[in-house]
Amino acid sequence: MDKSEKIKKETESLQKIFENCDEPVKNVISGLLQETAFLAVELQEMRIILETTGMIKVHPTDFTKQKPLPIANEYRRTLNVYSLNVKILHSILKNVDNAEDDVFLNWIKEKKGNSNDL
């Protein structure tokens, strides 16, 4: 599956959670859903790289000399934005309809358990 297909799948997964919301709410959050899906896929791709490289580069003979890798910093920044988006979406969903809250929490748990599916 290529990147655009992964993003589309993730976007559809998020849209399904908000399908019972009113149209004005859907219109307001549509861009946020797309950005959150994009960030989820980006994080997954960065995570694959980080599993190989690690977060820091350690000098081969002097372990006290360490340098953070640029991708590690980018991963942290992207993860912060993604986390903020999820928090905002959760807040919107909770304010729109408390019954939908469980669906969103289940989605979060599913992503946590199946992070390789993105």
PDB file of N, CA and C in Angstrom:
ATOM      1  N   MET A   1       0.852  -1.177   0.000  1.00  0.00           N
ATOM      2  CA  MET A   1       0.000   0.000   0.000  1.00  0.00           C
ATOM      3  C   MET A   1       0.897   1.239   0.000  1.00  0.00           C
ATOM      4  N   ASP A   2       0.652   2.160  -0.933  1.00  0.00           N
ATOM      5  CA  ASP A   2       1.483   3.365  -0.972  1.00  0.00           C
ATOM      6  C   ASP A   2       0.982   4.392   0.051  1.00  0.00           C
ATOM      7  N   LYS A   3       1.759   5.443   0.182  1.00  0.00           N
ATOM      8  CA  LYS A   3       1.499   6.443   1.223  1.00  0.00           C
ATOM      9  C   LYS A   3       0.116   7.084   1.083  1.00  0.00           C
ATOM     10  N   SER A   4      -0.262   7.446  -0.124  1.00  0.00           N
ATOM     11  CA  SER A   4      -1.561   8.104  -0.306  1.00  0.00           C
ATOM     12  C   SER A   4      -2.719   7.173   0.051  1.00  0.00           C
ATOM     13  N   GLU A   5      -2.566   5.888  -0.220  1.00  0.00           N
ATOM     14  CA  GLU A   5      -3.605   4.929   0.151  1.00  0.00           C
ATOM     15  C   GLU A   5      -3.695   4.783   1.671  1.00  0.00           C
ATOM     16  N   LYS A   6      -2.541   4.794   2.342  1.00  0.00           N
ATOM     17  CA  LYS A   6      -2.522   4.713   3.803  1.00  0.00           C
ATOM     18  C   LYS A   6      -3.208   5.936   4.417  1.00  0.00           C
ATOM     19  N   ILE A   7      -2.913   7.110   3.857  1.00  0.00           N
ATOM     20  CA  ILE A   7      -3.528   8.345   4.358  1.00  0.00           C
ATOM     21  C   ILE A   7      -5.037   8.303   4.133  1.00  0.00           C
ATOM     22  N   LYS A   8      -5.455   7.850   2.965  1.00  0.00           N
ATOM     23  CA  LYS A   8      -6.885   7.765   2.654  1.00  0.00           C
ATOM     24  C   LYS A   8      -7.581   6.799   3.617  1.00  0.00           C
ATOM     25  N   LYS A   9      -6.952   5.662   3.865  1.00  0.00           N
ATOM     26  CA  LYS A   9      -7.527   4.668   4.787  1.00  0.00           C
ATOM     27  C   LYS A   9      -7.657   5.249   6.195  1.00  0.00           C
ATOM     28  N   GLU A  10      -6.626   5.951   6.638  1.00  0.00           N
ATOM     29  CA  GLU A  10      -6.644   6.552   7.974  1.00  0.00           C
ATOM     30  C   GLU A  10      -7.693   7.663   8.049  1.00  0.00           C
ATOM     31  N   THR A  11      -7.797   8.466   7.007  1.00  0.00           N
ATOM     32  CA  THR A  11      -8.806   9.537   6.961  1.00  0.00           C
ATOM     33  C   THR A  11     -10.207   8.953   7.041  1.00  0.00           C
ATOM     34  N   GLU A  12     -10.462   7.899   6.269  1.00  0.00           N
ATOM     35  CA  GLU A  12     -11.776   7.249   6.290  1.00  0.00           C
ATOM     36  C   GLU A  12     -12.083   6.676   7.669  1.00  0.00           C
ATOM     37  N   SER A  13     -11.075   6.138   8.317  1.00  0.00           N
ATOM     38  CA  SER A  13     -11.251   5.595   9.665  1.00  0.00           C
ATOM     39  C   SER A  13     -11.670   6.694  10.638  1.00  0.00           C
ATOM     40  N   LEU A  14     -11.037   7.848  10.525  1.00  0.00           N
ATOM     41  CA  LEU A  14     -11.391   8.980  11.385  1.00  0.00           C
ATOM     42  C   LEU A  14     -12.767   9.535  11.034  1.00  0.00           C
ATOM     43  N   GLN A  15     -13.064   9.656   9.749  1.00  0.00           N
ATOM     44  CA  GLN A  15     -14.362  10.182   9.332  1.00  0.00           C
ATOM     45  C   GLN A  15     -15.509   9.298   9.816  1.00  0.00           C
ATOM     46  N   LYS A  16     -15.273   8.006   9.872  1.00  0.00           N
ATOM     47  CA  LYS A  16     -16.295   7.075  10.341  1.00  0.00           C
ATOM     48  C   LYS A  16     -16.666   7.367  11.799  1.00  0.00           C
ATOM     49  N   ILE A  17     -15.682   7.760  12.582  1.00  0.00           N
ATOM     50  CA  ILE A  17     -15.929   8.081  13.992  1.00  0.00           C
ATOM     51  C   ILE A  17     -16.853   9.287  14.117  1.00  0.00           C
ATOM     52  N   PHE A  18     -16.712  10.238  13.201  1.00  0.00           N
ATOM     53  CA  PHE A  18     -17.472  11.487  13.264  1.00  0.00           C
ATOM     54  C   PHE A  18     -18.687  11.487  12.334  1.00  0.00           C
ATOM     55  N   GLU A  19     -19.061  10.334  11.805  1.00  0.00           N
ATOM     56  CA  GLU A  19     -20.149  10.294  10.823  1.00  0.00           C
ATOM     57  C   GLU A  19     -21.498  10.725  11.378  1.00  0.00           C
ATOM     58  N   ASN A  20     -21.712  10.609  12.683  1.00  0.00           N
ATOM     59  CA  ASN A  20     -22.997  11.000  13.274  1.00  0.00           C
ATOM     60  C   ASN A  20     -23.048  12.464  13.689  1.00  0.00           C
ATOM     61  N   CYS A  21     -21.980  13.189  13.449  1.00  0.00           N
ATOM     62  CA  CYS A  21     -21.951  14.619  13.791  1.00  0.00           C
ATOM     63  C   CYS A  21     -22.727  15.418  12.756  1.00  0.00           C
ATOM     64  N   ASP A  22     -23.154  16.602  13.153  1.00  0.00           N
ATOM     65  CA  ASP A  22     -23.846  17.500  12.228  1.00  0.00           C
ATOM     66  C   ASP A  22     -22.898  17.942  11.120  1.00  0.00           C
ATOM     67  N   GLU A  23     -23.480  18.295   9.973  1.00  0.00           N
ATOM     68  CA  GLU A  23     -22.683  18.722   8.812  1.00  0.00           C
ATOM     69  C   GLU A  23     -21.760  19.902   9.117  1.00  0.00           C
ATOM     70  N   PRO A  24     -22.229  20.927   9.856  1.00  0.00           N
ATOM     71  CA  PRO A  24     -21.309  22.032  10.150  1.00  0.00           C
ATOM     72  C   PRO A  24     -20.060  21.578  10.917  1.00  0.00           C
ATOM     73  N   VAL A  25     -20.231  20.643  11.835  1.00  0.00           N
ATOM     74  CA  VAL A  25     -19.087  20.115  12.591  1.00  0.00           C
ATOM     75  C   VAL A  25     -18.169  19.347  11.657  1.00  0.00           C
ATOM     76  N   LYS A  26     -18.744  18.517  10.802  1.00  0.00           N
ATOM     77  CA  LYS A  26     -17.948  17.751   9.838  1.00  0.00           C
ATOM     78  C   LYS A  26     -17.145  18.680   8.936  1.00  0.00           C
ATOM     79  N   ASN A  27     -17.788  19.764   8.494  1.00  0.00           N
ATOM     80  CA  ASN A  27     -17.100  20.716   7.615  1.00  0.00           C
ATOM     81  C   ASN A  27     -15.932  21.391   8.321  1.00  0.00           C
ATOM     82  N   VAL A  28     -16.128  21.714   9.583  1.00  0.00           N
ATOM     83  CA  VAL A  28     -15.075  22.400  10.340  1.00  0.00           C
ATOM     84  C   VAL A  28     -13.887  21.473  10.578  1.00  0.00           C
ATOM     85  N   ILE A  29     -14.150  20.208  10.872  1.00  0.00           N
ATOM     86  CA  ILE A  29     -13.058  19.311  11.252  1.00  0.00           C
ATOM     87  C   ILE A  29     -12.482  18.507  10.093  1.00  0.00           C
ATOM     88  N   SER A  30     -13.025  18.634   8.895  1.00  0.00           N
ATOM     89  CA  SER A  30     -12.563  17.801   7.777  1.00  0.00           C
ATOM     90  C   SER A  30     -11.068  17.977   7.509  1.00  0.00           C
ATOM     91  N   GLY A  31     -10.602  19.194   7.535  1.00  0.00           N
ATOM     92  CA  GLY A  31      -9.172  19.435   7.319  1.00  0.00           C
ATOM     93  C   GLY A  31      -8.318  18.868   8.436  1.00  0.00           C
ATOM     94  N   LEU A  32      -8.803  18.990   9.658  1.00  0.00           N
ATOM     95  CA  LEU A  32      -8.075  18.456  10.806  1.00  0.00           C
ATOM     96  C   LEU A  32      -7.997  16.931  10.739  1.00  0.00           C
ATOM     97  N   LEU A  33      -9.066  16.301  10.278  1.00  0.00           N
ATOM     98  CA  LEU A  33      -9.048  14.849  10.116  1.00  0.00           C
ATOM     99  C   LEU A  33      -8.011  14.424   9.079  1.00  0.00           C
ATOM    100  N   GLN A  34      -7.953  15.154   7.972  1.00  0.00           N
ATOM    101  CA  GLN A  34      -6.990  14.828   6.924  1.00  0.00           C
ATOM    102  C   GLN A  34      -5.552  15.032   7.410  1.00  0.00           C
ATOM    103  N   GLU A  35      -5.323  16.122   8.122  1.00  0.00           N
ATOM    104  CA  GLU A  35      -3.981  16.388   8.650  1.00  0.00           C
ATOM    105  C   GLU A  35      -3.577  15.350   9.698  1.00  0.00           C
ATOM    106  N   THR A  36      -4.520  14.952  10.524  1.00  0.00           N
ATOM    107  CA  THR A  36      -4.238  13.946  11.549  1.00  0.00           C
ATOM    108  C   THR A  36      -3.903  12.610  10.895  1.00  0.00           C
ATOM    109  N   ALA A  37      -4.623  12.260   9.859  1.00  0.00           N
ATOM    110  CA  ALA A  37      -4.338  11.021   9.129  1.00  0.00           C
ATOM    111  C   ALA A  37      -2.954  11.085   8.493  1.00  0.00           C
ATOM    112  N   PHE A  38      -2.628  12.209   7.881  1.00  0.00           N
ATOM    113  CA  PHE A  38      -1.307  12.395   7.272  1.00  0.00           C
ATOM    114  C   PHE A  38      -0.207  12.240   8.323  1.00  0.00           C
ATOM    115  N   LEU A  39      -0.394  12.891   9.465  1.00  0.00           N
ATOM    116  CA  LEU A  39       0.609  12.821  10.526  1.00  0.00           C
ATOM    117  C   LEU A  39       0.765  11.393  11.058  1.00  0.00           C
ATOM    118  N   ALA A  40      -0.329  10.664  11.158  1.00  0.00           N
ATOM    119  CA  ALA A  40      -0.267   9.279  11.626  1.00  0.00           C
ATOM    120  C   ALA A  40       0.600   8.432  10.695  1.00  0.00           C
ATOM    121  N   VAL A  41       0.424   8.614   9.401  1.00  0.00           N
ATOM    122  CA  VAL A  41       1.211   7.857   8.422  1.00  0.00           C
ATOM    123  C   VAL A  41       2.673   8.303   8.459  1.00  0.00           C
ATOM    124  N   GLU A  42       2.905   9.603   8.551  1.00  0.00           N
ATOM    125  CA  GLU A  42       4.278  10.114   8.648  1.00  0.00           C
ATOM    126  C   GLU A  42       4.994   9.551   9.870  1.00  0.00           C
ATOM    127  N   LEU A  43       4.300   9.534  10.992  1.00  0.00           N
ATOM    128  CA  LEU A  43       4.890   9.001  12.224  1.00  0.00           C
ATOM    129  C   LEU A  43       5.243   7.528  12.063  1.00  0.00           C
ATOM    130  N   GLN A  44       4.372   6.786  11.420  1.00  0.00           N
ATOM    131  CA  GLN A  44       4.648   5.362  11.203  1.00  0.00           C
ATOM    132  C   GLN A  44       5.900   5.174  10.348  1.00  0.00           C
ATOM    133  N   GLU A  45       6.038   5.979   9.304  1.00  0.00           N
ATOM    134  CA  GLU A  45       7.207   5.872   8.439  1.00  0.00           C
ATOM    135  C   GLU A  45       8.486   6.274   9.172  1.00  0.00           C
ATOM    136  N   MET A  46       8.409   7.334   9.967  1.00  0.00           N
ATOM    137  CA  MET A  46       9.575   7.751  10.747  1.00  0.00           C
ATOM    138  C   MET A  46       9.940   6.696  11.780  1.00  0.00           C
ATOM    139  N   ARG A  47       8.930   6.074  12.338  1.00  0.00           N
ATOM    140  CA  ARG A  47       9.161   5.052  13.363  1.00  0.00           C
ATOM    141  C   ARG A  47       9.941   3.874  12.783  1.00  0.00           C
ATOM    142  N   ILE A  48       9.636   3.502  11.560  1.00  0.00           N
ATOM    143  CA  ILE A  48      10.360   2.411  10.893  1.00  0.00           C
ATOM    144  C   ILE A  48      11.840   2.765  10.766  1.00  0.00           C
ATOM    145  N   ILE A  49      12.118   3.998  10.383  1.00  0.00           N
ATOM    146  CA  ILE A  49      13.509   4.452  10.269  1.00  0.00           C
ATOM    147  C   ILE A  49      14.174   4.465  11.635  1.00  0.00           C
ATOM    148  N   LEU A  50      13.470   4.985  12.627  1.00  0.00           N
ATOM    149  CA  LEU A  50      14.040   5.081  13.972  1.00  0.00           C
ATOM    150  C   LEU A  50      14.300   3.716  14.601  1.00  0.00           C
ATOM    151  N   GLU A  51      13.532   2.720  14.222  1.00  0.00           N
ATOM    152  CA  GLU A  51      13.785   1.375  14.731  1.00  0.00           C
ATOM    153  C   GLU A  51      15.152   0.867  14.279  1.00  0.00           C
ATOM    154  N   THR A  52      15.624   1.365  13.140  1.00  0.00           N
ATOM    155  CA  THR A  52      16.935   0.980  12.628  1.00  0.00           C
ATOM    156  C   THR A  52      18.040   1.889  13.160  1.00  0.00           C
ATOM    157  N   THR A  53      17.785   3.187  13.142  1.00  0.00           N
ATOM    158  CA  THR A  53      18.837   4.147  13.481  1.00  0.00           C
ATOM    159  C   THR A  53      18.906   4.492  14.955  1.00  0.00           C
ATOM    160  N   GLY A  54      17.791   4.389  15.653  1.00  0.00           N
ATOM    161  CA  GLY A  54      17.724   4.869  17.026  1.00  0.00           C
ATOM    162  C   GLY A  54      17.511   6.376  17.046  1.00  0.00           C
ATOM    163  N   MET A  55      17.416   6.941  18.233  1.00  0.00           N
ATOM    164  CA  MET A  55      17.148   8.375  18.388  1.00  0.00           C
ATOM    165  C   MET A  55      18.433   9.197  18.437  1.00  0.00           C
ATOM    166  N   ILE A  56      19.531   8.564  18.847  1.00  0.00           N
ATOM    167  CA  ILE A  56      20.798   9.294  18.961  1.00  0.00           C
ATOM    168  C   ILE A  56      21.923   8.503  18.305  1.00  0.00           C
ATOM    169  N   LYS A  57      22.951   9.235  17.915  1.00  0.00           N
ATOM    170  CA  LYS A  57      24.160   8.621  17.372  1.00  0.00           C
ATOM    171  C   LYS A  57      25.210   8.663  18.482  1.00  0.00           C
ATOM    172  N   VAL A  58      25.784   7.519  18.780  1.00  0.00           N
ATOM    173  CA  VAL A  58      26.785   7.424  19.833  1.00  0.00           C
ATOM    174  C   VAL A  58      28.144   7.187  19.187  1.00  0.00           C
ATOM    175  N   HIS A  59      29.136   7.930  19.652  1.00  0.00           N
ATOM    176  CA  HIS A  59      30.494   7.778  19.143  1.00  0.00           C
ATOM    177  C   HIS A  59      30.945   6.336  19.376  1.00  0.00           C
ATOM    178  N   PRO A  60      31.590   5.708  18.376  1.00  0.00           N
ATOM    179  CA  PRO A  60      31.935   4.291  18.506  1.00  0.00           C
ATOM    180  C   PRO A  60      32.928   3.961  19.632  1.00  0.00           C
ATOM    181  N   THR A  61      33.792   4.908  19.993  1.00  0.00           N
ATOM    182  CA  THR A  61      34.785   4.605  21.029  1.00  0.00           C
ATOM    183  C   THR A  61      34.581   5.384  22.327  1.00  0.00           C
ATOM    184  N   ASP A  62      33.842   6.478  22.271  1.00  0.00           N
ATOM    185  CA  ASP A  62      33.599   7.286  23.468  1.00  0.00           C
ATOM    186  C   ASP A  62      32.092   7.444  23.659  1.00  0.00           C
ATOM    187  N   PHE A  63      31.533   6.596  24.496  1.00  0.00           N
ATOM    188  CA  PHE A  63      30.080   6.568  24.682  1.00  0.00           C
ATOM    189  C   PHE A  63      29.523   7.828  25.347  1.00  0.00           C
ATOM    190  N   THR A  64      30.400   8.689  25.863  1.00  0.00           N
ATOM    191  CA  THR A  64      29.924   9.941  26.448  1.00  0.00           C
ATOM    192  C   THR A  64      29.613  10.969  25.373  1.00  0.00           C
ATOM    193  N   LYS A  65      30.081  10.731  24.161  1.00  0.00           N
ATOM    194  CA  LYS A  65      29.808  11.633  23.041  1.00  0.00           C
ATOM    195  C   LYS A  65      28.591  11.118  22.293  1.00  0.00           C
ATOM    196  N   GLN A  66      27.518  11.895  22.381  1.00  0.00           N
ATOM    197  CA  GLN A  66      26.264  11.512  21.746  1.00  0.00           C
ATOM    198  C   GLN A  66      25.697  12.703  20.984  1.00  0.00           C
ATOM    199  N   LYS A  67      24.981  12.384  19.910  1.00  0.00           N
ATOM    200  CA  LYS A  67      24.372  13.442  19.109  1.00  0.00           C
ATOM    201  C   LYS A  67      22.975  12.985  18.680  1.00  0.00           C
ATOM    202  N   PRO A  68      21.956  13.823  18.939  1.00  0.00           N
ATOM    203  CA  PRO A  68      20.607  13.437  18.490  1.00  0.00           C
ATOM    204  C   PRO A  68      20.521  13.476  16.961  1.00  0.00           C
ATOM    205  N   LEU A  69      19.814  12.539  16.401  1.00  0.00           N
ATOM    206  CA  LEU A  69      19.625  12.501  14.954  1.00  0.00           C
ATOM    207  C   LEU A  69      18.505  13.451  14.553  1.00  0.00           C
ATOM    208  N   PRO A  70      18.616  14.107  13.410  1.00  0.00           N
ATOM    209  CA  PRO A  70      17.566  15.038  12.963  1.00  0.00           C
ATOM    210  C   PRO A  70      16.182  14.386  12.882  1.00  0.00           C
ATOM    211  N   ILE A  71      16.118  13.145  12.454  1.00  0.00           N
ATOM    212  CA  ILE A  71      14.811  12.485  12.360  1.00  0.00           C
ATOM    213  C   ILE A  71      14.177  12.305  13.737  1.00  0.00           C
ATOM    214  N   ALA A  72      15.010  12.148  14.767  1.00  0.00           N
ATOM    215  CA  ALA A  72      14.477  12.008  16.126  1.00  0.00           C
ATOM    216  C   ALA A  72      13.783  13.304  16.552  1.00  0.00           C
ATOM    217  N   ASN A  73      14.407  14.422  16.238  1.00  0.00           N
ATOM    218  CA  ASN A  73      13.796  15.715  16.566  1.00  0.00           C
ATOM    219  C   ASN A  73      12.509  15.927  15.768  1.00  0.00           C
ATOM    220  N   GLU A  74      12.528  15.563  14.504  1.00  0.00           N
ATOM    221  CA  GLU A  74      11.339  15.708  13.667  1.00  0.00           C
ATOM    222  C   GLU A  74      10.220  14.784  14.157  1.00  0.00           C
ATOM    223  N   TYR A  75      10.586  13.593  14.571  1.00  0.00           N
ATOM    224  CA  TYR A  75       9.601  12.648  15.112  1.00  0.00           C
ATOM    225  C   TYR A  75       8.922  13.243  16.342  1.00  0.00           C
ATOM    226  N   ARG A  76       9.711  13.811  17.238  1.00  0.00           N
ATOM    227  CA  ARG A  76       9.155  14.420  18.451  1.00  0.00           C
ATOM    228  C   ARG A  76       8.205  15.571  18.111  1.00  0.00           C
ATOM    229  N   ARG A  77       8.619  16.437  17.185  1.00  0.00           N
ATOM    230  CA  ARG A  77       7.766  17.562  16.799  1.00  0.00           C
ATOM    231  C   ARG A  77       6.463  17.069  16.162  1.00  0.00           C
ATOM    232  N   THR A  78       6.592  16.114  15.272  1.00  0.00           N
ATOM    233  CA  THR A  78       5.410  15.584  14.587  1.00  0.00           C
ATOM    234  C   THR A  78       4.489  14.882  15.574  1.00  0.00           C
ATOM    235  N   LEU A  79       5.062  14.140  16.498  1.00  0.00           N
ATOM    236  CA  LEU A  79       4.267  13.455  17.510  1.00  0.00           C
ATOM    237  C   LEU A  79       3.515  14.455  18.389  1.00  0.00           C
ATOM    238  N   ASN A  80       4.149  15.572  18.712  1.00  0.00           N
ATOM    239  CA  ASN A  80       3.477  16.603  19.514  1.00  0.00           C
ATOM    240  C   ASN A  80       2.274  17.188  18.775  1.00  0.00           C
ATOM    241  N   VAL A  81       2.436  17.476  17.493  1.00  0.00           N
ATOM    242  CA  VAL A  81       1.322  18.023  16.702  1.00  0.00           C
ATOM    243  C   VAL A  81       0.214  16.982  16.572  1.00  0.00           C
ATOM    244  N   TYR A  82       0.588  15.738  16.298  1.00  0.00           N
ATOM    245  CA  TYR A  82      -0.389  14.658  16.180  1.00  0.00           C
ATOM    246  C   TYR A  82      -1.171  14.499  17.488  1.00  0.00           C
ATOM    247  N   SER A  83      -0.460  14.501  18.599  1.00  0.00           N
ATOM    248  CA  SER A  83      -1.112  14.355  19.912  1.00  0.00           C
ATOM    249  C   SER A  83      -2.080  15.496  20.177  1.00  0.00           C
ATOM    250  N   LEU A  84      -1.683  16.705  19.802  1.00  0.00           N
ATOM    251  CA  LEU A  84      -2.561  17.857  19.965  1.00  0.00           C
ATOM    252  C   LEU A  84      -3.821  17.699  19.106  1.00  0.00           C
ATOM    253  N   ASN A  85      -3.644  17.244  17.867  1.00  0.00           N
ATOM    254  CA  ASN A  85      -4.797  17.024  16.982  1.00  0.00           C
ATOM    255  C   ASN A  85      -5.757  15.999  17.570  1.00  0.00           C
ATOM    256  N   VAL A  86      -5.220  14.902  18.090  1.00  0.00           N
ATOM    257  CA  VAL A  86      -6.064  13.865  18.682  1.00  0.00           C
ATOM    258  C   VAL A  86      -6.809  14.426  19.890  1.00  0.00           C
ATOM    259  N   LYS A  87      -6.118  15.221  20.678  1.00  0.00           N
ATOM    260  CA  LYS A  87      -6.753  15.830  21.846  1.00  0.00           C
ATOM    261  C   LYS A  87      -7.897  16.762  21.424  1.00  0.00           C
ATOM    262  N   ILE A  88      -7.665  17.558  20.397  1.00  0.00           N
ATOM    263  CA  ILE A  88      -8.701  18.475  19.901  1.00  0.00           C
ATOM    264  C   ILE A  88      -9.891  17.683  19.358  1.00  0.00           C
ATOM    265  N   LEU A  89      -9.616  16.653  18.568  1.00  0.00           N
ATOM    266  CA  LEU A  89     -10.705  15.835  18.012  1.00  0.00           C
ATOM    267  C   LEU A  89     -11.496  15.155  19.125  1.00  0.00           C
ATOM    268  N   HIS A  90     -10.798  14.672  20.110  1.00  0.00           N
ATOM    269  CA  HIS A  90     -11.481  14.032  21.244  1.00  0.00           C
ATOM    270  C   HIS A  90     -12.376  15.042  21.956  1.00  0.00           C
ATOM    271  N   SER A  91     -11.873  16.239  22.151  1.00  0.00           N
ATOM    272  CA  SER A  91     -12.642  17.285  22.813  1.00  0.00           C
ATOM    273  C   SER A  91     -13.889  17.644  21.999  1.00  0.00           C
ATOM    274  N   ILE A  92     -13.731  17.767  20.689  1.00  0.00           N
ATOM    275  CA  ILE A  92     -14.871  18.086  19.813  1.00  0.00           C
ATOM    276  C   ILE A  92     -15.907  16.982  19.892  1.00  0.00           C
ATOM    277  N   LEU A  93     -15.454  15.762  19.798  1.00  0.00           N
ATOM    278  CA  LEU A  93     -16.371  14.634  19.827  1.00  0.00           C
ATOM    279  C   LEU A  93     -17.095  14.540  21.168  1.00  0.00           C
ATOM    280  N   LYS A  94     -16.366  14.783  22.228  1.00  0.00           N
ATOM    281  CA  LYS A  94     -16.963  14.728  23.560  1.00  0.00           C
ATOM    282  C   LYS A  94     -18.022  15.820  23.732  1.00  0.00           C
ATOM    283  N   ASN A  95     -17.767  16.996  23.176  1.00  0.00           N
ATOM    284  CA  ASN A  95     -18.725  18.097  23.280  1.00  0.00           C
ATOM    285  C   ASN A  95     -19.936  17.906  22.381  1.00  0.00           C
ATOM    286  N   VAL A  96     -19.745  17.225  21.263  1.00  0.00           N
ATOM    287  CA  VAL A  96     -20.854  17.023  20.326  1.00  0.00           C
ATOM    288  C   VAL A  96     -21.804  15.952  20.844  1.00  0.00           C
ATOM    289  N   ASP A  97     -21.233  14.833  21.288  1.00  0.00           N
ATOM    290  CA  ASP A  97     -22.083  13.727  21.715  1.00  0.00           C
ATOM    291  C   ASP A  97     -21.267  12.799  22.597  1.00  0.00           C
ATOM    292  N   ASN A  98     -21.610  12.725  23.861  1.00  0.00           N
ATOM    293  CA  ASN A  98     -20.867  11.876  24.789  1.00  0.00           C
ATOM    294  C   ASN A  98     -20.946  10.399  24.416  1.00  0.00           C
ATOM    295  N   ALA A  99     -21.975   9.978  23.718  1.00  0.00           N
ATOM    296  CA  ALA A  99     -22.101   8.574  23.324  1.00  0.00           C
ATOM    297  C   ALA A  99     -21.018   8.184  22.329  1.00  0.00           C
ATOM    298  N   GLU A 100     -20.538   9.131  21.541  1.00  0.00           N
ATOM    299  CA  GLU A 100     -19.507   8.850  20.553  1.00  0.00           C
ATOM    300  C   GLU A 100     -18.132   8.705  21.182  1.00  0.00           C
ATOM    301  N   ASP A 101     -17.971   9.106  22.424  1.00  0.00           N
ATOM    302  CA  ASP A 101     -16.676   9.099  23.098  1.00  0.00           C
ATOM    303  C   ASP A 101     -16.032   7.720  23.075  1.00  0.00           C
ATOM    304  N   ASP A 102     -16.805   6.685  23.331  1.00  0.00           N
ATOM    305  CA  ASP A 102     -16.258   5.335  23.369  1.00  0.00           C
ATOM    306  C   ASP A 102     -15.704   4.908  22.015  1.00  0.00           C
ATOM    307  N   VAL A 103     -16.342   5.308  20.935  1.00  0.00           N
ATOM    308  CA  VAL A 103     -15.878   4.973  19.596  1.00  0.00           C
ATOM    309  C   VAL A 103     -14.499   5.571  19.357  1.00  0.00           C
ATOM    310  N   PHE A 104     -14.309   6.815  19.754  1.00  0.00           N
ATOM    311  CA  PHE A 104     -13.028   7.480  19.554  1.00  0.00           C
ATOM    312  C   PHE A 104     -11.949   6.846  20.422  1.00  0.00           C
ATOM    313  N   LEU A 105     -12.263   6.557  21.661  1.00  0.00           N
ATOM    314  CA  LEU A 105     -11.286   5.906  22.532  1.00  0.00           C
ATOM    315  C   LEU A 105     -10.924   4.524  22.007  1.00  0.00           C
ATOM    316  N   ASN A 106     -11.879   3.815  21.453  1.00  0.00           N
ATOM    317  CA  ASN A 106     -11.582   2.514  20.842  1.00  0.00           C
ATOM    318  C   ASN A 106     -10.646   2.671  19.652  1.00  0.00           C
ATOM    319  N   TRP A 107     -10.847   3.716  18.859  1.00  0.00           N
ATOM    320  CA  TRP A 107      -9.965   3.986  17.720  1.00  0.00           C
ATOM    321  C   TRP A 107      -8.535   4.236  18.204  1.00  0.00           C
ATOM    322  N   ILE A 108      -8.387   5.026  19.272  1.00  0.00           N
ATOM    323  CA  ILE A 108      -7.061   5.307  19.825  1.00  0.00           C
ATOM    324  C   ILE A 108      -6.407   4.013  20.305  1.00  0.00           C
ATOM    325  N   LYS A 109      -7.162   3.195  21.025  1.00  0.00           N
ATOM    326  CA  LYS A 109      -6.622   1.925  21.518  1.00  0.00           C
ATOM    327  C   LYS A 109      -6.231   1.013  20.366  1.00  0.00           C
ATOM    328  N   GLU A 110      -7.034   1.000  19.310  1.00  0.00           N
ATOM    329  CA  GLU A 110      -6.744   0.170  18.141  1.00  0.00           C
ATOM    330  C   GLU A 110      -5.447   0.616  17.474  1.00  0.00           C
ATOM    331  N   LYS A 111      -5.258   1.923  17.342  1.00  0.00           N
ATOM    332  CA  LYS A 111      -4.046   2.444  16.725  1.00  0.00           C
ATOM    333  C   LYS A 111      -2.825   2.132  17.574  1.00  0.00           C
ATOM    334  N   LYS A 112      -2.990   2.189  18.865  1.00  0.00           N
ATOM    335  CA  LYS A 112      -1.885   1.885  19.779  1.00  0.00           C
ATOM    336  C   LYS A 112      -1.480   0.419  19.645  1.00  0.00           C
ATOM    337  N   GLY A 113      -2.473  -0.452  19.520  1.00  0.00           N
ATOM    338  CA  GLY A 113      -2.198  -1.877  19.430  1.00  0.00           C
ATOM    339  C   GLY A 113      -1.791  -2.346  18.051  1.00  0.00           C
ATOM    340  N   ASN A 114      -2.216  -1.623  17.008  1.00  0.00           N
ATOM    341  CA  ASN A 114      -1.942  -2.027  15.623  1.00  0.00           C
ATOM    342  C   ASN A 114      -1.203  -0.949  14.862  1.00  0.00           C
ATOM    343  N   SER A 115      -0.144  -0.399  15.427  1.00  0.00           N
ATOM    344  CA  SER A 115       0.559   0.716  14.804  1.00  0.00           C
ATOM    345  C   SER A 115       1.186   0.332  13.474  1.00  0.00           C
ATOM    346  N   ASN A 116       1.369  -0.928  13.186  1.00  0.00           N
ATOM    347  CA  ASN A 116       1.956  -1.351  11.914  1.00  0.00           C
ATOM    348  C   ASN A 116       0.941  -1.400  10.790  1.00  0.00           C
ATOM    349  N   ASP A 117      -0.336  -1.214  11.108  1.00  0.00           N
ATOM    350  CA  ASP A 117      -1.387  -1.279  10.082  1.00  0.00           C
ATOM    351  C   ASP A 117      -1.492  -0.021   9.253  1.00  0.00           C
ATOM    352  N   LEU A 118      -0.848   1.056   9.658  1.00  0.00           N
ATOM    353  CA  LEU A 118      -0.992   2.317   8.929  1.00  0.00           C
ATOM    354  C   LEU A 118      -0.319   2.267   7.594  1.00  0.00           C
TER     355      LEU A 118
END
